[in-house]
Amino acid sequence: MHAAEHLRIQYDFLSKTVLLEFNGNSHVLDQRYEDKDSAERAATDYAREHWEYVPPAPTRQ
């Protein structure tokens, strides 16, 4: 997987918003997420729906 194919997610604790970037696209979700986990889930869902993002398969240990 190339670096351009990684989903980048930045949660801002002060504004409770999330910036996501993927493959040259970027978007801010401004729904006031209470924690980083919920912001990351929303960002991943947005990328899947709007940018055809496919998360990497979980790795086995």
N, C-alpha and C. Protein backbone atom coordinates (compact mmCIF):
# COMPACT_ATOMS: atom_id res chain seq x y z
N MET A 1 0.85 -1.18 0.00
CA MET A 1 0.00 0.00 0.00
C MET A 1 0.90 1.24 0.00
N HIS A 2 0.57 2.19 -0.85
CA HIS A 2 1.36 3.42 -0.94
C HIS A 2 0.91 4.42 0.12
N ALA A 3 1.80 5.35 0.47
CA ALA A 3 1.48 6.34 1.50
C ALA A 3 0.24 7.16 1.14
N ALA A 4 0.02 7.41 -0.15
CA ALA A 4 -1.12 8.21 -0.58
C ALA A 4 -2.44 7.49 -0.32
N GLU A 5 -2.40 6.18 -0.09
CA GLU A 5 -3.60 5.41 0.12
C GLU A 5 -3.99 5.29 1.58
N HIS A 6 -3.21 5.86 2.47
CA HIS A 6 -3.52 5.80 3.91
C HIS A 6 -4.54 6.88 4.27
N LEU A 7 -5.45 6.54 5.13
CA LEU A 7 -6.41 7.51 5.64
C LEU A 7 -5.76 8.23 6.82
N ARG A 8 -5.68 9.53 6.73
CA ARG A 8 -5.09 10.34 7.80
C ARG A 8 -6.23 11.03 8.55
N ILE A 9 -6.24 10.87 9.86
CA ILE A 9 -7.30 11.42 10.70
C ILE A 9 -6.67 12.25 11.81
N GLN A 10 -7.14 13.49 11.96
CA GLN A 10 -6.66 14.36 13.04
C GLN A 10 -7.87 14.87 13.83
N TYR A 11 -7.91 14.52 15.10
CA TYR A 11 -8.98 14.97 15.98
C TYR A 11 -8.51 16.18 16.76
N ASP A 12 -9.31 17.23 16.77
CA ASP A 12 -8.99 18.44 17.51
C ASP A 12 -9.82 18.45 18.80
N PHE A 13 -9.13 18.31 19.93
CA PHE A 13 -9.84 18.22 21.22
C PHE A 13 -10.56 19.51 21.60
N LEU A 14 -10.01 20.65 21.21
CA LEU A 14 -10.64 21.92 21.58
C LEU A 14 -11.96 22.16 20.84
N SER A 15 -11.93 21.97 19.53
CA SER A 15 -13.15 22.22 18.75
C SER A 15 -14.02 20.97 18.61
N LYS A 16 -13.46 19.79 18.98
CA LYS A 16 -14.16 18.51 18.89
C LYS A 16 -14.55 18.18 17.46
N THR A 17 -13.70 18.58 16.52
CA THR A 17 -13.91 18.28 15.11
C THR A 17 -12.81 17.33 14.64
N VAL A 18 -12.98 16.81 13.44
CA VAL A 18 -11.99 15.88 12.90
C VAL A 18 -11.70 16.24 11.44
N LEU A 19 -10.41 16.25 11.11
CA LEU A 19 -9.96 16.46 9.73
C LEU A 19 -9.54 15.10 9.20
N LEU A 20 -10.03 14.75 8.01
CA LEU A 20 -9.60 13.52 7.39
C LEU A 20 -9.08 13.80 6.00
N GLU A 21 -8.05 13.05 5.62
CA GLU A 21 -7.42 13.19 4.31
C GLU A 21 -7.16 11.81 3.74
N PHE A 22 -7.46 11.68 2.44
CA PHE A 22 -7.24 10.40 1.78
C PHE A 22 -7.07 10.63 0.29
N ASN A 23 -5.94 10.19 -0.23
CA ASN A 23 -5.71 10.17 -1.67
C ASN A 23 -6.01 11.52 -2.36
N GLY A 24 -5.54 12.60 -1.76
CA GLY A 24 -5.72 13.93 -2.34
C GLY A 24 -7.01 14.63 -1.94
N ASN A 25 -7.86 13.96 -1.20
CA ASN A 25 -9.11 14.56 -0.73
C ASN A 25 -8.98 14.92 0.75
N SER A 26 -9.71 15.95 1.16
CA SER A 26 -9.75 16.29 2.59
C SER A 26 -11.15 16.80 2.94
N HIS A 27 -11.50 16.64 4.22
CA HIS A 27 -12.82 17.05 4.68
C HIS A 27 -12.77 17.25 6.19
N VAL A 28 -13.56 18.18 6.70
CA VAL A 28 -13.68 18.40 8.14
C VAL A 28 -15.08 17.99 8.57
N LEU A 29 -15.14 17.11 9.57
CA LEU A 29 -16.41 16.73 10.19
C LEU A 29 -16.55 17.59 11.44
N ASP A 30 -17.60 18.38 11.49
CA ASP A 30 -17.74 19.36 12.58
C ASP A 30 -18.92 19.07 13.50
N GLN A 31 -19.16 17.82 13.77
CA GLN A 31 -20.33 17.45 14.58
C GLN A 31 -20.04 17.37 16.07
N ARG A 32 -18.94 17.94 16.53
CA ARG A 32 -18.60 18.02 17.96
C ARG A 32 -18.52 16.64 18.61
N TYR A 33 -17.56 15.86 18.19
CA TYR A 33 -17.36 14.52 18.72
C TYR A 33 -16.78 14.60 20.13
N GLU A 34 -17.31 13.81 21.02
CA GLU A 34 -16.90 13.86 22.43
C GLU A 34 -15.57 13.21 22.71
N ASP A 35 -15.15 12.28 21.86
CA ASP A 35 -13.86 11.62 22.08
C ASP A 35 -13.22 11.23 20.76
N LYS A 36 -11.96 10.88 20.85
CA LYS A 36 -11.18 10.55 19.66
C LYS A 36 -11.71 9.30 18.96
N ASP A 37 -12.13 8.31 19.72
CA ASP A 37 -12.63 7.06 19.13
C ASP A 37 -13.86 7.29 18.26
N SER A 38 -14.82 8.05 18.75
CA SER A 38 -16.03 8.30 17.96
C SER A 38 -15.71 9.15 16.73
N ALA A 39 -14.77 10.07 16.86
CA ALA A 39 -14.35 10.89 15.71
C ALA A 39 -13.68 10.03 14.65
N GLU A 40 -12.83 9.10 15.08
CA GLU A 40 -12.15 8.22 14.13
C GLU A 40 -13.13 7.29 13.42
N ARG A 41 -14.12 6.78 14.14
CA ARG A 41 -15.14 5.93 13.52
C ARG A 41 -15.93 6.72 12.47
N ALA A 42 -16.30 7.94 12.81
CA ALA A 42 -17.06 8.78 11.88
C ALA A 42 -16.22 9.11 10.64
N ALA A 43 -14.95 9.39 10.85
CA ALA A 43 -14.06 9.71 9.72
C ALA A 43 -13.90 8.51 8.80
N THR A 44 -13.73 7.33 9.38
CA THR A 44 -13.60 6.12 8.57
C THR A 44 -14.88 5.84 7.80
N ASP A 45 -16.02 6.00 8.44
CA ASP A 45 -17.31 5.81 7.77
C ASP A 45 -17.48 6.80 6.62
N TYR A 46 -17.10 8.06 6.85
CA TYR A 46 -17.21 9.08 5.80
C TYR A 46 -16.34 8.70 4.61
N ALA A 47 -15.09 8.30 4.88
CA ALA A 47 -14.17 7.95 3.80
C ALA A 47 -14.66 6.74 3.01
N ARG A 48 -15.23 5.78 3.69
CA ARG A 48 -15.76 4.59 3.01
C ARG A 48 -16.93 4.98 2.10
N GLU A 49 -17.81 5.84 2.61
CA GLU A 49 -19.01 6.20 1.86
C GLU A 49 -18.72 7.14 0.69
N HIS A 50 -17.86 8.12 0.90
CA HIS A 50 -17.65 9.17 -0.10
C HIS A 50 -16.41 8.98 -0.97
N TRP A 51 -15.41 8.27 -0.49
CA TRP A 51 -14.14 8.15 -1.22
C TRP A 51 -13.76 6.72 -1.54
N GLU A 52 -14.63 5.78 -1.34
CA GLU A 52 -14.36 4.37 -1.63
C GLU A 52 -13.13 3.86 -0.88
N TYR A 53 -12.95 4.35 0.34
CA TYR A 53 -11.85 3.90 1.19
C TYR A 53 -12.12 2.49 1.68
N VAL A 54 -11.09 1.65 1.61
CA VAL A 54 -11.18 0.29 2.14
C VAL A 54 -10.15 0.16 3.25
N PRO A 55 -10.60 0.00 4.49
CA PRO A 55 -9.64 -0.10 5.59
C PRO A 55 -8.77 -1.36 5.44
N PRO A 56 -7.56 -1.29 5.94
CA PRO A 56 -6.69 -2.47 5.87
C PRO A 56 -7.26 -3.61 6.70
N ALA A 57 -6.97 -4.81 6.26
CA ALA A 57 -7.44 -6.00 7.00
C ALA A 57 -6.71 -6.08 8.32
N PRO A 58 -7.38 -6.52 9.38
CA PRO A 58 -6.71 -6.65 10.67
C PRO A 58 -5.57 -7.68 10.57
N THR A 59 -4.51 -7.42 11.30
CA THR A 59 -3.37 -8.34 11.28
C THR A 59 -3.50 -9.33 12.43
N ARG A 60 -3.05 -10.53 12.20
CA ARG A 60 -3.07 -11.56 13.23
C ARG A 60 -1.75 -11.53 13.99
N GLN A 61 -1.82 -11.84 15.26
CA GLN A 61 -0.60 -11.86 16.06
C GLN A 61 -0.23 -13.27 16.46
